[in-house]
């Protein structure tokens, strides 16, 4: 399954491929750059349900290199964590490249909308 994402540093689109592992967890496997036009399209809409994790070979965001990602609670956009900052309270704060709000990381990703191809 392919999920569209945005680089939180440069606000450019990319995509992440997820594959279901033997233990039933969806693993991020690869990431690749996509154009703005391609980011608006998707074929074979699918929903990823269940736990997610980053696979050992996941290369990270192809734009800034960040190896982690988060799902914006406001607009449901998947973002890399390239702009993440740890504050004095020990929380990791991020900003959504799509809608802009800043918030701290909490919880886990249990559902993502994606595609068979983009």
PDB file of N, CA and C in Angstrom:
ATOM      1  N   UNK A   1       0.832  -1.173   0.000  1.00  0.00           N
ATOM      2  CA  UNK A   1       0.000   0.000   0.000  1.00  0.00           C
ATOM      3  C   UNK A   1       0.884   1.247   0.000  1.00  0.00           C
ATOM      4  N   UNK A   2       0.453   2.270  -0.706  1.00  0.00           N
ATOM      5  CA  UNK A   2       1.196   3.523  -0.816  1.00  0.00           C
ATOM      6  C   UNK A   2       0.410   4.623  -0.121  1.00  0.00           C
ATOM      7  N   UNK A   3       1.083   5.369   0.745  1.00  0.00           N
ATOM      8  CA  UNK A   3       0.454   6.472   1.464  1.00  0.00           C
ATOM      9  C   UNK A   3       1.173   7.761   1.097  1.00  0.00           C
ATOM     10  N   UNK A   4       0.402   8.764   0.709  1.00  0.00           N
ATOM     11  CA  UNK A   4       0.980  10.066   0.396  1.00  0.00           C
ATOM     12  C   UNK A   4       1.367  10.768   1.693  1.00  0.00           C
ATOM     13  N   UNK A   5       2.462  11.520   1.636  1.00  0.00           N
ATOM     14  CA  UNK A   5       2.973  12.230   2.808  1.00  0.00           C
ATOM     15  C   UNK A   5       3.547  13.569   2.372  1.00  0.00           C
ATOM     16  N   UNK A   6       3.917  14.387   3.360  1.00  0.00           N
ATOM     17  CA  UNK A   6       4.572  15.660   3.070  1.00  0.00           C
ATOM     18  C   UNK A   6       5.808  15.805   3.926  1.00  0.00           C
ATOM     19  N   UNK A   7       6.825  16.412   3.339  1.00  0.00           N
ATOM     20  CA  UNK A   7       8.036  16.743   4.073  1.00  0.00           C
ATOM     21  C   UNK A   7       7.715  17.960   4.937  1.00  0.00           C
ATOM     22  N   UNK A   8       7.883  17.835   6.245  1.00  0.00           N
ATOM     23  CA  UNK A   8       7.558  18.946   7.134  1.00  0.00           C
ATOM     24  C   UNK A   8       8.573  20.087   7.023  1.00  0.00           C
ATOM     25  N   UNK A   9       9.743  19.824   6.460  1.00  0.00           N
ATOM     26  CA  UNK A   9      10.770  20.842   6.308  1.00  0.00           C
ATOM     27  C   UNK A   9      10.521  21.687   5.056  1.00  0.00           C
ATOM     28  N   UNK A  10      10.338  21.028   3.910  1.00  0.00           N
ATOM     29  CA  UNK A  10      10.207  21.746   2.629  1.00  0.00           C
ATOM     30  C   UNK A  10       8.780  21.801   2.101  1.00  0.00           C
ATOM     31  N   UNK A  11       7.842  21.140   2.801  1.00  0.00           N
ATOM     32  CA  UNK A  11       6.418  21.129   2.437  1.00  0.00           C
ATOM     33  C   UNK A  11       6.165  20.555   1.039  1.00  0.00           C
ATOM     34  N   UNK A  12       7.004  19.596   0.649  1.00  0.00           N
ATOM     35  CA  UNK A  12       6.870  18.937  -0.649  1.00  0.00           C
ATOM     36  C   UNK A  12       6.329  17.529  -0.447  1.00  0.00           C
ATOM     37  N   UNK A  13       5.565  17.030  -1.431  1.00  0.00           N
ATOM     38  CA  UNK A  13       4.977  15.698  -1.292  1.00  0.00           C
ATOM     39  C   UNK A  13       5.976  14.568  -1.560  1.00  0.00           C
ATOM     40  N   UNK A  14       5.739  13.448  -0.909  1.00  0.00           N
ATOM     41  CA  UNK A  14       6.435  12.202  -1.198  1.00  0.00           C
ATOM     42  C   UNK A  14       5.479  11.073  -0.847  1.00  0.00           C
ATOM     43  N   UNK A  15       5.884   9.855  -1.067  1.00  0.00           N
ATOM     44  CA  UNK A  15       5.027   8.706  -0.776  1.00  0.00           C
ATOM     45  C   UNK A  15       5.825   7.657  -0.005  1.00  0.00           C
ATOM     46  N   UNK A  16       5.110   6.915   0.831  1.00  0.00           N
ATOM     47  CA  UNK A  16       5.703   5.840   1.625  1.00  0.00           C
ATOM     48  C   UNK A  16       4.970   4.551   1.284  1.00  0.00           C
ATOM     49  N   UNK A  17       5.715   3.490   1.019  1.00  0.00           N
ATOM     50  CA  UNK A  17       5.089   2.186   0.806  1.00  0.00           C
ATOM     51  C   UNK A  17       5.107   1.415   2.128  1.00  0.00           C
ATOM     52  N   UNK A  18       3.951   0.834   2.443  1.00  0.00           N
ATOM     53  CA  UNK A  18       3.794   0.010   3.641  1.00  0.00           C
ATOM     54  C   UNK A  18       3.498  -1.414   3.206  1.00  0.00           C
ATOM     55  N   UNK A  19       4.037  -2.356   3.946  1.00  0.00           N
ATOM     56  CA  UNK A  19       3.792  -3.771   3.682  1.00  0.00           C
ATOM     57  C   UNK A  19       3.467  -4.439   5.014  1.00  0.00           C
ATOM     58  N   UNK A  20       2.500  -5.352   4.981  1.00  0.00           N
ATOM     59  CA  UNK A  20       2.123  -6.050   6.203  1.00  0.00           C
ATOM     60  C   UNK A  20       3.179  -7.095   6.541  1.00  0.00           C
ATOM     61  N   UNK A  21       3.715  -7.023   7.748  1.00  0.00           N
ATOM     62  CA  UNK A  21       4.740  -7.958   8.211  1.00  0.00           C
ATOM     63  C   UNK A  21       4.081  -9.235   8.727  1.00  0.00           C
ATOM     64  N   UNK A  22       4.882 -10.232   8.992  1.00  0.00           N
ATOM     65  CA  UNK A  22       4.396 -11.519   9.455  1.00  0.00           C
ATOM     66  C   UNK A  22       3.598 -11.452  10.744  1.00  0.00           C
ATOM     67  N   UNK A  23       3.898 -10.472  11.593  1.00  0.00           N
ATOM     68  CA  UNK A  23       3.171 -10.340  12.857  1.00  0.00           C
ATOM     69  C   UNK A  23       1.928  -9.455  12.732  1.00  0.00           C
ATOM     70  N   UNK A  24       1.562  -9.088  11.491  1.00  0.00           N
ATOM     71  CA  UNK A  24       0.354  -8.306  11.249  1.00  0.00           C
ATOM     72  C   UNK A  24       0.522  -6.807  11.362  1.00  0.00           C
ATOM     73  N   UNK A  25       1.707  -6.333  11.658  1.00  0.00           N
ATOM     74  CA  UNK A  25       1.970  -4.898  11.763  1.00  0.00           C
ATOM     75  C   UNK A  25       2.349  -4.359  10.389  1.00  0.00           C
ATOM     76  N   UNK A  26       1.854  -3.181  10.051  1.00  0.00           N
ATOM     77  CA  UNK A  26       2.201  -2.540   8.783  1.00  0.00           C
ATOM     78  C   UNK A  26       3.540  -1.832   8.939  1.00  0.00           C
ATOM     79  N   UNK A  27       4.504  -2.180   8.081  1.00  0.00           N
ATOM     80  CA  UNK A  27       5.844  -1.601   8.132  1.00  0.00           C
ATOM     81  C   UNK A  27       6.084  -0.642   6.983  1.00  0.00           C
ATOM     82  N   UNK A  28       6.638   0.522   7.311  1.00  0.00           N
ATOM     83  CA  UNK A  28       7.105   1.452   6.282  1.00  0.00           C
ATOM     84  C   UNK A  28       8.350   0.836   5.668  1.00  0.00           C
ATOM     85  N   UNK A  29       8.355   0.648   4.348  1.00  0.00           N
ATOM     86  CA  UNK A  29       9.457  -0.036   3.666  1.00  0.00           C
ATOM     87  C   UNK A  29      10.312   0.907   2.821  1.00  0.00           C
ATOM     88  N   UNK A  30       9.669   1.691   1.987  1.00  0.00           N
ATOM     89  CA  UNK A  30      10.389   2.591   1.089  1.00  0.00           C
ATOM     90  C   UNK A  30       9.698   3.945   1.070  1.00  0.00           C
ATOM     91  N   UNK A  31      10.389   4.935   0.564  1.00  0.00           N
ATOM     92  CA  UNK A  31       9.816   6.272   0.383  1.00  0.00           C
ATOM     93  C   UNK A  31      10.376   6.829  -0.918  1.00  0.00           C
ATOM     94  N   UNK A  32       9.550   7.578  -1.623  1.00  0.00           N
ATOM     95  CA  UNK A  32      10.013   8.156  -2.885  1.00  0.00           C
ATOM     96  C   UNK A  32       9.344   9.495  -3.129  1.00  0.00           C
ATOM     97  N   UNK A  33      10.063  10.340  -3.828  1.00  0.00           N
ATOM     98  CA  UNK A  33       9.628  11.681  -4.184  1.00  0.00           C
ATOM     99  C   UNK A  33       8.499  11.594  -5.208  1.00  0.00           C
ATOM    100  N   UNK A  34       7.489  12.435  -5.081  1.00  0.00           N
ATOM    101  CA  UNK A  34       6.433  12.536  -6.091  1.00  0.00           C
ATOM    102  C   UNK A  34       6.177  14.010  -6.393  1.00  0.00           C
ATOM    103  N   UNK A  35       5.643  14.283  -7.571  1.00  0.00           N
ATOM    104  CA  UNK A  35       5.351  15.660  -7.967  1.00  0.00           C
ATOM    105  C   UNK A  35       4.054  16.138  -7.311  1.00  0.00           C
ATOM    106  N   UNK A  36       3.853  17.446  -7.311  1.00  0.00           N
ATOM    107  CA  UNK A  36       2.609  18.026  -6.782  1.00  0.00           C
ATOM    108  C   UNK A  36       1.404  17.463  -7.534  1.00  0.00           C
ATOM    109  N   UNK A  37       1.519  17.329  -8.870  1.00  0.00           N
ATOM    110  CA  UNK A  37       0.411  16.792  -9.667  1.00  0.00           C
ATOM    111  C   UNK A  37       0.108  15.345  -9.287  1.00  0.00           C
ATOM    112  N   UNK A  38       1.153  14.556  -9.118  1.00  0.00           N
ATOM    113  CA  UNK A  38       0.971  13.148  -8.775  1.00  0.00           C
ATOM    114  C   UNK A  38       0.391  12.991  -7.360  1.00  0.00           C
ATOM    115  N   UNK A  39       0.709  13.928  -6.477  1.00  0.00           N
ATOM    116  CA  UNK A  39       0.206  13.881  -5.103  1.00  0.00           C
ATOM    117  C   UNK A  39      -1.311  14.067  -5.043  1.00  0.00           C
ATOM    118  N   UNK A  40      -1.883  14.629  -6.089  1.00  0.00           N
ATOM    119  CA  UNK A  40      -3.335  14.857  -6.115  1.00  0.00           C
ATOM    120  C   UNK A  40      -4.097  13.637  -6.614  1.00  0.00           C
ATOM    121  N   UNK A  41      -3.386  12.622  -7.095  1.00  0.00           N
ATOM    122  CA  UNK A  41      -4.021  11.450  -7.684  1.00  0.00           C
ATOM    123  C   UNK A  41      -3.721  10.207  -6.871  1.00  0.00           C
ATOM    124  N   UNK A  42      -4.530   9.205  -7.051  1.00  0.00           N
ATOM    125  CA  UNK A  42      -4.304   7.911  -6.435  1.00  0.00           C
ATOM    126  C   UNK A  42      -5.245   6.905  -7.055  1.00  0.00           C
ATOM    127  N   UNK A  43      -4.826   5.685  -7.176  1.00  0.00           N
ATOM    128  CA  UNK A  43      -5.630   4.641  -7.807  1.00  0.00           C
ATOM    129  C   UNK A  43      -5.768   3.465  -6.852  1.00  0.00           C
ATOM    130  N   UNK A  44      -6.949   2.903  -6.788  1.00  0.00           N
ATOM    131  CA  UNK A  44      -7.183   1.750  -5.935  1.00  0.00           C
ATOM    132  C   UNK A  44      -7.139   2.132  -4.469  1.00  0.00           C
ATOM    133  N   UNK A  45      -8.057   3.017  -4.049  1.00  0.00           N
ATOM    134  CA  UNK A  45      -8.051   3.499  -2.676  1.00  0.00           C
ATOM    135  C   UNK A  45      -8.163   2.347  -1.680  1.00  0.00           C
ATOM    136  N   UNK A  46      -7.313   2.391  -0.650  1.00  0.00           N
ATOM    137  CA  UNK A  46      -7.264   1.357   0.378  1.00  0.00           C
ATOM    138  C   UNK A  46      -7.135   2.011   1.743  1.00  0.00           C
ATOM    139  N   UNK A  47      -7.423   1.245   2.783  1.00  0.00           N
ATOM    140  CA  UNK A  47      -7.248   1.727   4.145  1.00  0.00           C
ATOM    141  C   UNK A  47      -6.350   0.760   4.897  1.00  0.00           C
ATOM    142  N   UNK A  48      -5.324   1.300   5.503  1.00  0.00           N
ATOM    143  CA  UNK A  48      -4.427   0.527   6.342  1.00  0.00           C
ATOM    144  C   UNK A  48      -5.010   0.585   7.749  1.00  0.00           C
ATOM    145  N   UNK A  49      -5.329  -0.561   8.319  1.00  0.00           N
ATOM    146  CA  UNK A  49      -5.862  -0.620   9.683  1.00  0.00           C
ATOM    147  C   UNK A  49      -4.939  -1.473  10.518  1.00  0.00           C
ATOM    148  N   UNK A  50      -4.606  -1.006  11.695  1.00  0.00           N
ATOM    149  CA  UNK A  50      -3.727  -1.737  12.593  1.00  0.00           C
ATOM    150  C   UNK A  50      -2.480  -0.945  12.914  1.00  0.00           C
ATOM    151  N   UNK A  51      -1.612  -1.549  13.666  1.00  0.00           N
ATOM    152  CA  UNK A  51      -0.387  -0.885  14.108  1.00  0.00           C
ATOM    153  C   UNK A  51       0.586  -0.668  12.954  1.00  0.00           C
ATOM    154  N   UNK A  52       1.380   0.376  13.098  1.00  0.00           N
ATOM    155  CA  UNK A  52       2.407   0.685  12.106  1.00  0.00           C
ATOM    156  C   UNK A  52       3.767   0.775  12.793  1.00  0.00           C
ATOM    157  N   UNK A  53       4.816   0.555  12.012  1.00  0.00           N
ATOM    158  CA  UNK A  53       6.175   0.752  12.500  1.00  0.00           C
ATOM    159  C   UNK A  53       7.082   1.034  11.305  1.00  0.00           C
ATOM    160  N   UNK A  54       8.269   1.483  11.616  1.00  0.00           N
ATOM    161  CA  UNK A  54       9.255   1.776  10.582  1.00  0.00           C
ATOM    162  C   UNK A  54      10.122   0.542  10.397  1.00  0.00           C
ATOM    163  N   UNK A  55      10.179   0.033   9.173  1.00  0.00           N
ATOM    164  CA  UNK A  55      10.993  -1.139   8.860  1.00  0.00           C
ATOM    165  C   UNK A  55      12.475  -0.812   8.925  1.00  0.00           C
ATOM    166  N   UNK A  56      13.285  -1.832   9.151  1.00  0.00           N
ATOM    167  CA  UNK A  56      14.725  -1.658   9.295  1.00  0.00           C
ATOM    168  C   UNK A  56      15.404  -1.025   8.095  1.00  0.00           C
ATOM    169  N   UNK A  57      14.871  -1.232   6.887  1.00  0.00           N
ATOM    170  CA  UNK A  57      15.477  -0.674   5.687  1.00  0.00           C
ATOM    171  C   UNK A  57      14.832   0.615   5.214  1.00  0.00           C
ATOM    172  N   UNK A  58      13.900   1.162   5.990  1.00  0.00           N
ATOM    173  CA  UNK A  58      13.217   2.389   5.581  1.00  0.00           C
ATOM    174  C   UNK A  58      14.228   3.519   5.444  1.00  0.00           C
ATOM    175  N   UNK A  59      14.315   4.141   4.258  1.00  0.00           N
ATOM    176  CA  UNK A  59      15.346   5.146   4.022  1.00  0.00           C
ATOM    177  C   UNK A  59      15.033   6.529   4.594  1.00  0.00           C
ATOM    178  N   UNK A  60      13.799   6.772   4.982  1.00  0.00           N
ATOM    179  CA  UNK A  60      13.409   8.086   5.476  1.00  0.00           C
ATOM    180  C   UNK A  60      12.866   8.969   4.372  1.00  0.00           C
ATOM    181  N   UNK A  61      12.520  10.164   4.755  1.00  0.00           N
ATOM    182  CA  UNK A  61      11.973  11.150   3.814  1.00  0.00           C
ATOM    183  C   UNK A  61      12.988  11.401   2.701  1.00  0.00           C
ATOM    184  N   UNK A  62      12.564  11.277   1.432  1.00  0.00           N
ATOM    185  CA  UNK A  62      13.510  11.493   0.330  1.00  0.00           C
ATOM    186  C   UNK A  62      13.906  12.954   0.149  1.00  0.00           C
ATOM    187  N   UNK A  63      13.255  13.852   0.870  1.00  0.00           N
ATOM    188  CA  UNK A  63      13.534  15.277   0.718  1.00  0.00           C
ATOM    189  C   UNK A  63      14.483  15.783   1.804  1.00  0.00           C
ATOM    190  N   UNK A  64      14.214  15.435   3.069  1.00  0.00           N
ATOM    191  CA  UNK A  64      15.061  15.939   4.166  1.00  0.00           C
ATOM    192  C   UNK A  64      15.816  14.842   4.913  1.00  0.00           C
ATOM    193  N   UNK A  65      15.448  13.569   4.679  1.00  0.00           N
ATOM    194  CA  UNK A  65      16.151  12.466   5.313  1.00  0.00           C
ATOM    195  C   UNK A  65      15.610  12.017   6.658  1.00  0.00           C
ATOM    196  N   UNK A  66      14.584  12.678   7.180  1.00  0.00           N
ATOM    197  CA  UNK A  66      14.023  12.288   8.475  1.00  0.00           C
ATOM    198  C   UNK A  66      13.524  10.845   8.426  1.00  0.00           C
ATOM    199  N   UNK A  67      13.896  10.048   9.411  1.00  0.00           N
ATOM    200  CA  UNK A  67      13.537   8.627   9.438  1.00  0.00           C
ATOM    201  C   UNK A  67      12.197   8.359  10.115  1.00  0.00           C
ATOM    202  N   UNK A  68      11.562   9.371  10.693  1.00  0.00           N
ATOM    203  CA  UNK A  68      10.297   9.192  11.401  1.00  0.00           C
ATOM    204  C   UNK A  68       9.190   9.989  10.731  1.00  0.00           C
ATOM    205  N   UNK A  69       7.958   9.625  11.069  1.00  0.00           N
ATOM    206  CA  UNK A  69       6.804  10.344  10.528  1.00  0.00           C
ATOM    207  C   UNK A  69       5.700  10.404  11.566  1.00  0.00           C
ATOM    208  N   UNK A  70       4.733  11.311  11.328  1.00  0.00           N
ATOM    209  CA  UNK A  70       3.583  11.440  12.212  1.00  0.00           C
ATOM    210  C   UNK A  70       2.345  11.750  11.382  1.00  0.00           C
ATOM    211  N   UNK A  71       1.189  11.468  11.942  1.00  0.00           N
ATOM    212  CA  UNK A  71      -0.090  11.743  11.307  1.00  0.00           C
ATOM    213  C   UNK A  71      -0.709  12.943  11.996  1.00  0.00           C
ATOM    214  N   UNK A  72      -1.033  13.982  11.240  1.00  0.00           N
ATOM    215  CA  UNK A  72      -1.657  15.174  11.793  1.00  0.00           C
ATOM    216  C   UNK A  72      -3.082  14.832  12.234  1.00  0.00           C
ATOM    217  N   UNK A  73      -3.410  15.122  13.474  1.00  0.00           N
ATOM    218  CA  UNK A  73      -4.765  14.876  13.978  1.00  0.00           C
ATOM    219  C   UNK A  73      -5.783  15.809  13.358  1.00  0.00           C
ATOM    220  N   UNK A  74      -5.345  16.953  12.884  1.00  0.00           N
ATOM    221  CA  UNK A  74      -6.251  17.951  12.330  1.00  0.00           C
ATOM    222  C   UNK A  74      -6.687  17.614  10.899  1.00  0.00           C
ATOM    223  N   UNK A  75      -5.727  17.363  10.001  1.00  0.00           N
ATOM    224  CA  UNK A  75      -6.056  17.155   8.583  1.00  0.00           C
ATOM    225  C   UNK A  75      -5.780  15.739   8.080  1.00  0.00           C
ATOM    226  N   UNK A  76      -5.266  14.873   8.945  1.00  0.00           N
ATOM    227  CA  UNK A  76      -4.969  13.477   8.609  1.00  0.00           C
ATOM    228  C   UNK A  76      -3.886  13.321   7.546  1.00  0.00           C
ATOM    229  N   UNK A  77      -2.961  14.294   7.449  1.00  0.00           N
ATOM    230  CA  UNK A  77      -1.834  14.207   6.526  1.00  0.00           C
ATOM    231  C   UNK A  77      -0.664  13.539   7.232  1.00  0.00           C
ATOM    232  N   UNK A  78      -0.029  12.595   6.550  1.00  0.00           N
ATOM    233  CA  UNK A  78       1.181  11.966   7.065  1.00  0.00           C
ATOM    234  C   UNK A  78       2.345  12.902   6.750  1.00  0.00           C
ATOM    235  N   UNK A  79       3.169  13.204   7.730  1.00  0.00           N
ATOM    236  CA  UNK A  79       4.298  14.119   7.599  1.00  0.00           C
ATOM    237  C   UNK A  79       5.572  13.446   8.096  1.00  0.00           C
ATOM    238  N   UNK A  80       6.704  13.811   7.534  1.00  0.00           N
ATOM    239  CA  UNK A  80       7.971  13.387   8.134  1.00  0.00           C
ATOM    240  C   UNK A  80       8.192  14.249   9.380  1.00  0.00           C
ATOM    241  N   UNK A  81       9.077  13.829  10.254  1.00  0.00           N
ATOM    242  CA  UNK A  81       9.341  14.581  11.480  1.00  0.00           C
ATOM    243  C   UNK A  81      10.569  15.480  11.373  1.00  0.00           C
ATOM    244  N   UNK A  82      10.857  15.945  10.178  1.00  0.00           N
ATOM    245  CA  UNK A  82      12.045  16.772   9.971  1.00  0.00           C
ATOM    246  C   UNK A  82      12.083  18.052  10.767  1.00  0.00           C
ATOM    247  N   UNK A  83      10.922  18.586  11.159  1.00  0.00           N
ATOM    248  CA  UNK A  83      10.886  19.830  11.938  1.00  0.00           C
ATOM    249  C   UNK A  83      10.702  19.571  13.426  1.00  0.00           C
ATOM    250  N   UNK A  84      10.780  18.321  13.847  1.00  0.00           N
ATOM    251  CA  UNK A  84      10.537  17.979  15.252  1.00  0.00           C
ATOM    252  C   UNK A  84      11.539  18.662  16.181  1.00  0.00           C
ATOM    253  N   UNK A  85      11.023  19.160  17.303  1.00  0.00           N
ATOM    254  CA  UNK A  85      11.836  19.827  18.311  1.00  0.00           C
ATOM    255  C   UNK A  85      11.437  19.278  19.671  1.00  0.00           C
ATOM    256  N   UNK A  86      12.415  18.899  20.484  1.00  0.00           N
ATOM    257  CA  UNK A  86      12.129  18.468  21.854  1.00  0.00           C
ATOM    258  C   UNK A  86      12.215  19.696  22.754  1.00  0.00           C
ATOM    259  N   UNK A  87      11.116  19.966  23.457  1.00  0.00           N
ATOM    260  CA  UNK A  87      11.056  21.155  24.316  1.00  0.00           C
ATOM    261  C   UNK A  87      11.446  20.807  25.746  1.00  0.00           C
ATOM    262  N   UNK A  88      11.473  21.828  26.597  1.00  0.00           N
ATOM    263  CA  UNK A  88      11.869  21.675  27.996  1.00  0.00           C
ATOM    264  C   UNK A  88      11.000  20.676  28.752  1.00  0.00           C
ATOM    265  N   UNK A  89       9.738  20.515  28.339  1.00  0.00           N
ATOM    266  CA  UNK A  89       8.846  19.587  29.026  1.00  0.00           C
ATOM    267  C   UNK A  89       9.097  18.136  28.613  1.00  0.00           C
ATOM    268  N   UNK A  90      10.078  17.920  27.707  1.00  0.00           N
ATOM    269  CA  UNK A  90      10.431  16.580  27.269  1.00  0.00           C
ATOM    270  C   UNK A  90       9.601  16.053  26.115  1.00  0.00           C
ATOM    271  N   UNK A  91       8.575  16.782  25.719  1.00  0.00           N
ATOM    272  CA  UNK A  91       7.725  16.358  24.604  1.00  0.00           C
ATOM    273  C   UNK A  91       8.363  16.747  23.276  1.00  0.00           C
ATOM    274  N   UNK A  92       8.037  15.968  22.236  1.00  0.00           N
ATOM    275  CA  UNK A  92       8.508  16.259  20.890  1.00  0.00           C
ATOM    276  C   UNK A  92       7.397  17.010  20.164  1.00  0.00           C
ATOM    277  N   UNK A  93       7.709  18.217  19.718  1.00  0.00           N
ATOM    278  CA  UNK A  93       6.732  19.062  19.025  1.00  0.00           C
ATOM    279  C   UNK A  93       7.001  19.033  17.521  1.00  0.00           C
ATOM    280  N   UNK A  94       5.907  18.984  16.747  1.00  0.00           N
ATOM    281  CA  UNK A  94       5.981  18.935  15.289  1.00  0.00           C
ATOM    282  C   UNK A  94       4.987  19.920  14.693  1.00  0.00           C
ATOM    283  N   UNK A  95       5.192  20.229  13.430  1.00  0.00           N
ATOM    284  CA  UNK A  95       4.294  21.124  12.700  1.00  0.00           C
ATOM    285  C   UNK A  95       3.862  20.442  11.412  1.00  0.00           C
ATOM    286  N   UNK A  96       2.567  20.467  11.118  1.00  0.00           N
ATOM    287  CA  UNK A  96       2.036  19.839   9.911  1.00  0.00           C
ATOM    288  C   UNK A  96       2.357  20.683   8.683  1.00  0.00           C
ATOM    289  N   UNK A  97       2.913  20.066   7.657  1.00  0.00           N
ATOM    290  CA  UNK A  97       3.256  20.749   6.406  1.00  0.00           C
ATOM    291  C   UNK A  97       2.023  21.096   5.589  1.00  0.00           C
ATOM    292  N   UNK A  98       0.897  20.465   5.883  1.00  0.00           N
ATOM    293  CA  UNK A  98      -0.318  20.695   5.116  1.00  0.00           C
ATOM    294  C   UNK A  98      -1.189  21.803   5.714  1.00  0.00           C
ATOM    295  N   UNK A  99      -1.464  21.739   7.020  1.00  0.00           N
ATOM    296  CA  UNK A  99      -2.391  22.699   7.624  1.00  0.00           C
ATOM    297  C   UNK A  99      -1.748  23.615   8.653  1.00  0.00           C
ATOM    298  N   UNK A 100      -0.504  23.333   9.058  1.00  0.00           N
ATOM    299  CA  UNK A 100       0.263  24.245   9.879  1.00  0.00           C
ATOM    300  C   UNK A 100       0.253  24.144  11.388  1.00  0.00           C
ATOM    301  N   UNK A 101      -0.745  23.579  12.053  1.00  0.00           N
ATOM    302  CA  UNK A 101      -0.722  23.588  13.518  1.00  0.00           C
ATOM    303  C   UNK A 101       0.504  22.885  14.101  1.00  0.00           C
ATOM    304  N   UNK A 102       0.937  23.397  15.241  1.00  0.00           N
ATOM    305  CA  UNK A 102       2.037  22.790  15.982  1.00  0.00           C
ATOM    306  C   UNK A 102       1.430  22.039  17.157  1.00  0.00           C
ATOM    307  N   UNK A 103       1.921  20.849  17.390  1.00  0.00           N
ATOM    308  CA  UNK A 103       1.458  20.058  18.520  1.00  0.00           C
ATOM    309  C   UNK A 103       2.532  19.072  18.919  1.00  0.00           C
ATOM    310  N   UNK A 104       2.286  18.355  19.994  1.00  0.00           N
ATOM    311  CA  UNK A 104       3.269  17.376  20.437  1.00  0.00           C
ATOM    312  C   UNK A 104       2.828  15.969  20.045  1.00  0.00           C
ATOM    313  N   UNK A 105       3.808  15.095  19.895  1.00  0.00           N
ATOM    314  CA  UNK A 105       3.542  13.722  19.495  1.00  0.00           C
ATOM    315  C   UNK A 105       2.942  12.948  20.657  1.00  0.00           C
ATOM    316  N   UNK A 106       1.919  12.171  20.323  1.00  0.00           N
ATOM    317  CA  UNK A 106       1.317  11.281  21.310  1.00  0.00           C
ATOM    318  C   UNK A 106       0.566  10.185  20.579  1.00  0.00           C
ATOM    319  N   UNK A 107       0.433   9.044  21.202  1.00  0.00           N
ATOM    320  CA  UNK A 107      -0.321   7.941  20.620  1.00  0.00           C
ATOM    321  C   UNK A 107       0.421   7.256  19.489  1.00  0.00           C
ATOM    322  N   UNK A 108      -0.320   6.440  18.753  1.00  0.00           N
ATOM    323  CA  UNK A 108       0.257   5.706  17.634  1.00  0.00           C
ATOM    324  C   UNK A 108      -0.679   5.789  16.438  1.00  0.00           C
ATOM    325  N   UNK A 109      -0.149   5.493  15.276  1.00  0.00           N
ATOM    326  CA  UNK A 109      -0.955   5.516  14.051  1.00  0.00           C
ATOM    327  C   UNK A 109      -1.622   4.146  13.921  1.00  0.00           C
ATOM    328  N   UNK A 110      -2.949   4.132  13.865  1.00  0.00           N
ATOM    329  CA  UNK A 110      -3.714   2.888  13.771  1.00  0.00           C
ATOM    330  C   UNK A 110      -4.513   2.790  12.472  1.00  0.00           C
ATOM    331  N   UNK A 111      -4.589   3.902  11.720  1.00  0.00           N
ATOM    332  CA  UNK A 111      -5.353   3.890  10.470  1.00  0.00           C
ATOM    333  C   UNK A 111      -4.774   4.936   9.525  1.00  0.00           C
ATOM    334  N   UNK A 112      -4.563   4.534   8.263  1.00  0.00           N
ATOM    335  CA  UNK A 112      -4.077   5.440   7.227  1.00  0.00           C
ATOM    336  C   UNK A 112      -4.856   5.177   5.956  1.00  0.00           C
ATOM    337  N   UNK A 113      -5.180   6.226   5.237  1.00  0.00           N
ATOM    338  CA  UNK A 113      -5.785   6.066   3.916  1.00  0.00           C
ATOM    339  C   UNK A 113      -4.666   6.058   2.892  1.00  0.00           C
ATOM    340  N   UNK A 114      -4.740   5.118   1.969  1.00  0.00           N
ATOM    341  CA  UNK A 114      -3.694   4.996   0.974  1.00  0.00           C
ATOM    342  C   UNK A 114      -4.233   4.504  -0.347  1.00  0.00           C
ATOM    343  N   UNK A 115      -3.316   4.050  -1.195  1.00  0.00           N
ATOM    344  CA  UNK A 115      -3.657   3.639  -2.541  1.00  0.00           C
ATOM    345  C   UNK A 115      -2.846   2.422  -2.957  1.00  0.00           C
ATOM    346  N   UNK A 116      -3.336   1.727  -3.967  1.00  0.00           N
ATOM    347  CA  UNK A 116      -2.590   0.644  -4.567  1.00  0.00           C
ATOM    348  C   UNK A 116      -1.490   1.180  -5.457  1.00  0.00           C
ATOM    349  N   UNK A 117      -1.713   2.386  -6.018  1.00  0.00           N
ATOM    350  CA  UNK A 117      -0.740   3.018  -6.886  1.00  0.00           C
ATOM    351  C   UNK A 117      -1.036   4.507  -6.929  1.00  0.00           C
ATOM    352  N   UNK A 118      -0.004   5.301  -7.195  1.00  0.00           N
ATOM    353  CA  UNK A 118      -0.208   6.749  -7.367  1.00  0.00           C
ATOM    354  C   UNK A 118       0.510   7.230  -8.600  1.00  0.00           C
TER     355      UNK A 118
END
